[in-house]
Amino acid sequence: QGTRDHAPAQAALRDRLLSAVVSCFKRHGAAAIDTPVLELRETLMGKYGEDTKLIYELQDQGGELLALRYDL
């Protein structure tokens, strides 16, 4: 349950791979954006309407309704 933890060696490899991808994208003119992984459910419902197939819903330990966008 919850989100995945990465061991130090895995995190270092992941960072190197991501850095290589980002630098390649930037060389070709791409601009970086940073979007949240989790958003409030009501925020996503406003973006996607009632089509709940586009979001993965979950609830945090405090009872807050959160959601993960379909593309993540």
PDB file of N, CA and C in Angstrom:
ATOM      1  N   GLN A   1       0.843  -1.184   0.000  1.00  0.00           N
ATOM      2  CA  GLN A   1       0.000   0.000   0.000  1.00  0.00           C
ATOM      3  C   GLN A   1       0.882   1.240   0.000  1.00  0.00           C
ATOM      4  N   GLY A   2       0.346   2.319  -0.504  1.00  0.00           N
ATOM      5  CA  GLY A   2       1.088   3.567  -0.503  1.00  0.00           C
ATOM      6  C   GLY A   2       1.956   3.716  -1.731  1.00  0.00           C
ATOM      7  N   THR A   3       2.898   4.619  -1.647  1.00  0.00           N
ATOM      8  CA  THR A   3       3.803   4.857  -2.768  1.00  0.00           C
ATOM      9  C   THR A   3       5.077   4.053  -2.579  1.00  0.00           C
ATOM     10  N   ARG A   4       5.781   3.858  -3.662  1.00  0.00           N
ATOM     11  CA  ARG A   4       6.963   3.016  -3.638  1.00  0.00           C
ATOM     12  C   ARG A   4       8.198   3.796  -3.166  1.00  0.00           C
ATOM     13  N   ASP A   5       9.031   3.162  -2.356  1.00  0.00           N
ATOM     14  CA  ASP A   5      10.325   3.721  -1.957  1.00  0.00           C
ATOM     15  C   ASP A   5      11.395   3.119  -2.860  1.00  0.00           C
ATOM     16  N   HIS A   6      12.423   3.912  -3.146  1.00  0.00           N
ATOM     17  CA  HIS A   6      13.529   3.431  -3.968  1.00  0.00           C
ATOM     18  C   HIS A   6      14.792   3.386  -3.120  1.00  0.00           C
ATOM     19  N   ALA A   7      15.521   2.292  -3.216  1.00  0.00           N
ATOM     20  CA  ALA A   7      16.800   2.164  -2.525  1.00  0.00           C
ATOM     21  C   ALA A   7      17.779   3.172  -3.128  1.00  0.00           C
ATOM     22  N   PRO A   8      18.830   3.543  -2.389  1.00  0.00           N
ATOM     23  CA  PRO A   8      19.780   4.537  -2.898  1.00  0.00           C
ATOM     24  C   PRO A   8      20.354   4.205  -4.285  1.00  0.00           C
ATOM     25  N   ALA A   9      20.708   2.970  -4.526  1.00  0.00           N
ATOM     26  CA  ALA A   9      21.267   2.601  -5.834  1.00  0.00           C
ATOM     27  C   ALA A   9      20.221   2.752  -6.931  1.00  0.00           C
ATOM     28  N   GLN A  10      18.990   2.355  -6.642  1.00  0.00           N
ATOM     29  CA  GLN A  10      17.905   2.500  -7.616  1.00  0.00           C
ATOM     30  C   GLN A  10      17.600   3.979  -7.870  1.00  0.00           C
ATOM     31  N   ALA A  11      17.616   4.782  -6.823  1.00  0.00           N
ATOM     32  CA  ALA A  11      17.338   6.210  -6.961  1.00  0.00           C
ATOM     33  C   ALA A  11      18.418   6.886  -7.803  1.00  0.00           C
ATOM     34  N   ALA A  12      19.676   6.511  -7.594  1.00  0.00           N
ATOM     35  CA  ALA A  12      20.777   7.092  -8.372  1.00  0.00           C
ATOM     36  C   ALA A  12      20.641   6.727  -9.851  1.00  0.00           C
ATOM     37  N   LEU A  13      20.320   5.479 -10.135  1.00  0.00           N
ATOM     38  CA  LEU A  13      20.130   5.043 -11.519  1.00  0.00           C
ATOM     39  C   LEU A  13      18.939   5.761 -12.147  1.00  0.00           C
ATOM     40  N   ARG A  14      17.866   5.855 -11.411  1.00  0.00           N
ATOM     41  CA  ARG A  14      16.668   6.551 -11.896  1.00  0.00           C
ATOM     42  C   ARG A  14      16.977   8.019 -12.207  1.00  0.00           C
ATOM     43  N   ASP A  15      17.730   8.673 -11.330  1.00  0.00           N
ATOM     44  CA  ASP A  15      18.114  10.073 -11.549  1.00  0.00           C
ATOM     45  C   ASP A  15      18.983  10.231 -12.794  1.00  0.00           C
ATOM     46  N   ARG A  16      19.937   9.315 -12.992  1.00  0.00           N
ATOM     47  CA  ARG A  16      20.808   9.380 -14.183  1.00  0.00           C
ATOM     48  C   ARG A  16      20.002   9.181 -15.459  1.00  0.00           C
ATOM     49  N   LEU A  17      19.083   8.210 -15.440  1.00  0.00           N
ATOM     50  CA  LEU A  17      18.252   7.967 -16.624  1.00  0.00           C
ATOM     51  C   LEU A  17      17.349   9.158 -16.925  1.00  0.00           C
ATOM     52  N   LEU A  18      16.724   9.686 -15.907  1.00  0.00           N
ATOM     53  CA  LEU A  18      15.846  10.840 -16.093  1.00  0.00           C
ATOM     54  C   LEU A  18      16.638  12.038 -16.606  1.00  0.00           C
ATOM     55  N   SER A  19      17.827  12.246 -16.077  1.00  0.00           N
ATOM     56  CA  SER A  19      18.675  13.342 -16.527  1.00  0.00           C
ATOM     57  C   SER A  19      19.029  13.196 -18.004  1.00  0.00           C
ATOM     58  N   ALA A  20      19.322  11.984 -18.439  1.00  0.00           N
ATOM     59  CA  ALA A  20      19.653  11.742 -19.855  1.00  0.00           C
ATOM     60  C   ALA A  20      18.457  12.041 -20.745  1.00  0.00           C
ATOM     61  N   VAL A  21      17.285  11.619 -20.326  1.00  0.00           N
ATOM     62  CA  VAL A  21      16.067  11.864 -21.105  1.00  0.00           C
ATOM     63  C   VAL A  21      15.775  13.365 -21.172  1.00  0.00           C
ATOM     64  N   VAL A  22      15.854  14.050 -20.040  1.00  0.00           N
ATOM     65  CA  VAL A  22      15.570  15.482 -19.987  1.00  0.00           C
ATOM     66  C   VAL A  22      16.548  16.253 -20.861  1.00  0.00           C
ATOM     67  N   SER A  23      17.831  15.922 -20.788  1.00  0.00           N
ATOM     68  CA  SER A  23      18.809  16.655 -21.602  1.00  0.00           C
ATOM     69  C   SER A  23      18.576  16.419 -23.087  1.00  0.00           C
ATOM     70  N   CYS A  24      18.184  15.234 -23.471  1.00  0.00           N
ATOM     71  CA  CYS A  24      17.870  14.930 -24.866  1.00  0.00           C
ATOM     72  C   CYS A  24      16.656  15.741 -25.325  1.00  0.00           C
ATOM     73  N   PHE A  25      15.621  15.773 -24.507  1.00  0.00           N
ATOM     74  CA  PHE A  25      14.425  16.540 -24.853  1.00  0.00           C
ATOM     75  C   PHE A  25      14.763  18.015 -25.005  1.00  0.00           C
ATOM     76  N   LYS A  26      15.578  18.562 -24.090  1.00  0.00           N
ATOM     77  CA  LYS A  26      15.941  19.980 -24.143  1.00  0.00           C
ATOM     78  C   LYS A  26      16.766  20.297 -25.392  1.00  0.00           C
ATOM     79  N   ARG A  27      17.632  19.384 -25.792  1.00  0.00           N
ATOM     80  CA  ARG A  27      18.420  19.587 -27.014  1.00  0.00           C
ATOM     81  C   ARG A  27      17.522  19.736 -28.229  1.00  0.00           C
ATOM     82  N   HIS A  28      16.367  19.115 -28.179  1.00  0.00           N
ATOM     83  CA  HIS A  28      15.431  19.155 -29.300  1.00  0.00           C
ATOM     84  C   HIS A  28      14.333  20.195 -29.100  1.00  0.00           C
ATOM     85  N   GLY A  29      14.514  21.093 -28.135  1.00  0.00           N
ATOM     86  CA  GLY A  29      13.614  22.224 -27.971  1.00  0.00           C
ATOM     87  C   GLY A  29      12.439  22.041 -27.036  1.00  0.00           C
ATOM     88  N   ALA A  30      12.376  20.950 -26.330  1.00  0.00           N
ATOM     89  CA  ALA A  30      11.255  20.728 -25.408  1.00  0.00           C
ATOM     90  C   ALA A  30      11.399  21.623 -24.178  1.00  0.00           C
ATOM     91  N   ALA A  31      10.283  22.026 -23.626  1.00  0.00           N
ATOM     92  CA  ALA A  31      10.258  22.805 -22.392  1.00  0.00           C
ATOM     93  C   ALA A  31       9.747  21.914 -21.264  1.00  0.00           C
ATOM     94  N   ALA A  32      10.363  22.030 -20.119  1.00  0.00           N
ATOM     95  CA  ALA A  32       9.984  21.204 -18.971  1.00  0.00           C
ATOM     96  C   ALA A  32       8.768  21.782 -18.260  1.00  0.00           C
ATOM     97  N   ILE A  33       7.902  20.895 -17.785  1.00  0.00           N
ATOM     98  CA  ILE A  33       6.800  21.286 -16.904  1.00  0.00           C
ATOM     99  C   ILE A  33       6.830  20.341 -15.707  1.00  0.00           C
ATOM    100  N   ASP A  34       6.250  20.775 -14.632  1.00  0.00           N
ATOM    101  CA  ASP A  34       6.181  19.938 -13.433  1.00  0.00           C
ATOM    102  C   ASP A  34       4.738  19.944 -12.958  1.00  0.00           C
ATOM    103  N   THR A  35       4.102  18.787 -12.991  1.00  0.00           N
ATOM    104  CA  THR A  35       2.709  18.686 -12.586  1.00  0.00           C
ATOM    105  C   THR A  35       2.608  17.811 -11.341  1.00  0.00           C
ATOM    106  N   PRO A  36       1.614  18.051 -10.501  1.00  0.00           N
ATOM    107  CA  PRO A  36       1.472  17.240  -9.291  1.00  0.00           C
ATOM    108  C   PRO A  36       1.044  15.812  -9.632  1.00  0.00           C
ATOM    109  N   VAL A  37       1.540  14.886  -8.861  1.00  0.00           N
ATOM    110  CA  VAL A  37       1.151  13.490  -9.049  1.00  0.00           C
ATOM    111  C   VAL A  37      -0.248  13.267  -8.494  1.00  0.00           C
ATOM    112  N   LEU A  38      -0.476  13.742  -7.285  1.00  0.00           N
ATOM    113  CA  LEU A  38      -1.787  13.612  -6.652  1.00  0.00           C
ATOM    114  C   LEU A  38      -2.452  14.976  -6.600  1.00  0.00           C
ATOM    115  N   GLU A  39      -3.732  15.000  -6.880  1.00  0.00           N
ATOM    116  CA  GLU A  39      -4.502  16.231  -6.790  1.00  0.00           C
ATOM    117  C   GLU A  39      -5.773  15.943  -6.001  1.00  0.00           C
ATOM    118  N   LEU A  40      -6.399  17.001  -5.535  1.00  0.00           N
ATOM    119  CA  LEU A  40      -7.695  16.828  -4.887  1.00  0.00           C
ATOM    120  C   LEU A  40      -8.679  16.291  -5.911  1.00  0.00           C
ATOM    121  N   ARG A  41      -9.508  15.376  -5.492  1.00  0.00           N
ATOM    122  CA  ARG A  41     -10.469  14.749  -6.394  1.00  0.00           C
ATOM    123  C   ARG A  41     -11.364  15.797  -7.058  1.00  0.00           C
ATOM    124  N   GLU A  42     -11.823  16.763  -6.282  1.00  0.00           N
ATOM    125  CA  GLU A  42     -12.733  17.775  -6.839  1.00  0.00           C
ATOM    126  C   GLU A  42     -12.054  18.604  -7.931  1.00  0.00           C
ATOM    127  N   THR A  43     -10.758  18.816  -7.830  1.00  0.00           N
ATOM    128  CA  THR A  43     -10.028  19.552  -8.863  1.00  0.00           C
ATOM    129  C   THR A  43     -10.047  18.775 -10.171  1.00  0.00           C
ATOM    130  N   LEU A  44      -9.760  17.484 -10.104  1.00  0.00           N
ATOM    131  CA  LEU A  44      -9.760  16.676 -11.323  1.00  0.00           C
ATOM    132  C   LEU A  44     -11.157  16.484 -11.882  1.00  0.00           C
ATOM    133  N   MET A  45     -12.133  16.376 -11.022  1.00  0.00           N
ATOM    134  CA  MET A  45     -13.507  16.231 -11.505  1.00  0.00           C
ATOM    135  C   MET A  45     -13.907  17.486 -12.280  1.00  0.00           C
ATOM    136  N   GLY A  46     -13.402  18.635 -11.869  1.00  0.00           N
ATOM    137  CA  GLY A  46     -13.679  19.866 -12.597  1.00  0.00           C
ATOM    138  C   GLY A  46     -13.014  19.879 -13.962  1.00  0.00           C
ATOM    139  N   LYS A  47     -11.848  19.230 -14.079  1.00  0.00           N
ATOM    140  CA  LYS A  47     -11.133  19.183 -15.353  1.00  0.00           C
ATOM    141  C   LYS A  47     -11.728  18.157 -16.306  1.00  0.00           C
ATOM    142  N   TYR A  48     -12.089  16.994 -15.795  1.00  0.00           N
ATOM    143  CA  TYR A  48     -12.520  15.886 -16.640  1.00  0.00           C
ATOM    144  C   TYR A  48     -14.014  15.617 -16.578  1.00  0.00           C
ATOM    145  N   GLY A  49     -14.739  16.374 -15.777  1.00  0.00           N
ATOM    146  CA  GLY A  49     -16.177  16.155 -15.661  1.00  0.00           C
ATOM    147  C   GLY A  49     -16.487  14.886 -14.898  1.00  0.00           C
ATOM    148  N   GLU A  50     -17.576  14.297 -15.228  1.00  0.00           N
ATOM    149  CA  GLU A  50     -18.028  13.105 -14.500  1.00  0.00           C
ATOM    150  C   GLU A  50     -17.432  11.807 -15.052  1.00  0.00           C
ATOM    151  N   ASP A  51     -16.516  11.900 -15.980  1.00  0.00           N
ATOM    152  CA  ASP A  51     -15.927  10.698 -16.568  1.00  0.00           C
ATOM    153  C   ASP A  51     -14.870  10.136 -15.623  1.00  0.00           C
ATOM    154  N   THR A  52     -15.315   9.364 -14.637  1.00  0.00           N
ATOM    155  CA  THR A  52     -14.405   8.850 -13.610  1.00  0.00           C
ATOM    156  C   THR A  52     -13.455   7.784 -14.132  1.00  0.00           C
ATOM    157  N   LYS A  53     -13.629   7.340 -15.376  1.00  0.00           N
ATOM    158  CA  LYS A  53     -12.688   6.382 -15.947  1.00  0.00           C
ATOM    159  C   LYS A  53     -11.336   7.026 -16.199  1.00  0.00           C
ATOM    160  N   LEU A  54     -11.272   8.365 -16.191  1.00  0.00           N
ATOM    161  CA  LEU A  54     -10.034   9.068 -16.481  1.00  0.00           C
ATOM    162  C   LEU A  54      -9.188   9.331 -15.239  1.00  0.00           C
ATOM    163  N   ILE A  55      -9.717   9.031 -14.057  1.00  0.00           N
ATOM    164  CA  ILE A  55      -8.949   9.268 -12.840  1.00  0.00           C
ATOM    165  C   ILE A  55      -8.978   8.039 -11.938  1.00  0.00           C
ATOM    166  N   TYR A  56      -7.929   7.909 -11.146  1.00  0.00           N
ATOM    167  CA  TYR A  56      -7.842   6.843 -10.149  1.00  0.00           C
ATOM    168  C   TYR A  56      -8.045   7.509  -8.802  1.00  0.00           C
ATOM    169  N   GLU A  57      -9.102   7.146  -8.119  1.00  0.00           N
ATOM    170  CA  GLU A  57      -9.436   7.791  -6.855  1.00  0.00           C
ATOM    171  C   GLU A  57      -8.827   7.053  -5.669  1.00  0.00           C
ATOM    172  N   LEU A  58      -8.446   7.814  -4.657  1.00  0.00           N
ATOM    173  CA  LEU A  58      -7.953   7.240  -3.409  1.00  0.00           C
ATOM    174  C   LEU A  58      -8.237   8.205  -2.282  1.00  0.00           C
ATOM    175  N   GLN A  59      -8.012   7.752  -1.087  1.00  0.00           N
ATOM    176  CA  GLN A  59      -8.284   8.564   0.089  1.00  0.00           C
ATOM    177  C   GLN A  59      -7.065   8.518   0.984  1.00  0.00           C
ATOM    178  N   ASP A  60      -6.613   9.684   1.467  1.00  0.00           N
ATOM    179  CA  ASP A  60      -5.458   9.681   2.356  1.00  0.00           C
ATOM    180  C   ASP A  60      -5.884   9.289   3.768  1.00  0.00           C
ATOM    181  N   GLN A  61      -4.920   9.182   4.655  1.00  0.00           N
ATOM    182  CA  GLN A  61      -5.222   8.710   6.008  1.00  0.00           C
ATOM    183  C   GLN A  61      -6.122   9.668   6.787  1.00  0.00           C
ATOM    184  N   GLY A  62      -6.139  10.937   6.375  1.00  0.00           N
ATOM    185  CA  GLY A  62      -6.991  11.921   7.040  1.00  0.00           C
ATOM    186  C   GLY A  62      -8.393  11.963   6.471  1.00  0.00           C
ATOM    187  N   GLY A  63      -8.671  11.142   5.448  1.00  0.00           N
ATOM    188  CA  GLY A  63      -9.991  11.093   4.857  1.00  0.00           C
ATOM    189  C   GLY A  63     -10.170  12.000   3.647  1.00  0.00           C
ATOM    190  N   GLU A  64      -9.108  12.738   3.269  1.00  0.00           N
ATOM    191  CA  GLU A  64      -9.180  13.628   2.103  1.00  0.00           C
ATOM    192  C   GLU A  64      -9.277  12.786   0.827  1.00  0.00           C
ATOM    193  N   LEU A  65     -10.209  13.147  -0.063  1.00  0.00           N
ATOM    194  CA  LEU A  65     -10.356  12.441  -1.317  1.00  0.00           C
ATOM    195  C   LEU A  65      -9.340  12.997  -2.325  1.00  0.00           C
ATOM    196  N   LEU A  66      -8.450  12.128  -2.773  1.00  0.00           N
ATOM    197  CA  LEU A  66      -7.415  12.497  -3.735  1.00  0.00           C
ATOM    198  C   LEU A  66      -7.625  11.716  -5.018  1.00  0.00           C
ATOM    199  N   ALA A  67      -6.908  12.098  -6.042  1.00  0.00           N
ATOM    200  CA  ALA A  67      -7.019  11.387  -7.314  1.00  0.00           C
ATOM    201  C   ALA A  67      -5.702  11.463  -8.066  1.00  0.00           C
ATOM    202  N   LEU A  68      -5.494  10.489  -8.914  1.00  0.00           N
ATOM    203  CA  LEU A  68      -4.322  10.405  -9.778  1.00  0.00           C
ATOM    204  C   LEU A  68      -4.843  10.516 -11.200  1.00  0.00           C
ATOM    205  N   ARG A  69      -4.285  11.456 -11.969  1.00  0.00           N
ATOM    206  CA  ARG A  69      -4.742  11.629 -13.350  1.00  0.00           C
ATOM    207  C   ARG A  69      -4.469  10.372 -14.162  1.00  0.00           C
ATOM    208  N   TYR A  70      -5.288  10.143 -15.188  1.00  0.00           N
ATOM    209  CA  TYR A  70      -5.163   8.943 -16.002  1.00  0.00           C
ATOM    210  C   TYR A  70      -3.800   8.825 -16.664  1.00  0.00           C
ATOM    211  N   ASP A  71      -3.157   9.944 -16.976  1.00  0.00           N
ATOM    212  CA  ASP A  71      -1.872   9.892 -17.681  1.00  0.00           C
ATOM    213  C   ASP A  71      -0.703   9.629 -16.746  1.00  0.00           C
ATOM    214  N   LEU A  72      -0.954   9.545 -15.441  1.00  0.00           N
ATOM    215  CA  LEU A  72       0.111   9.233 -14.507  1.00  0.00           C
ATOM    216  C   LEU A  72      -0.073   7.847 -13.931  1.00  0.00           C
TER     217      LEU A  72
END
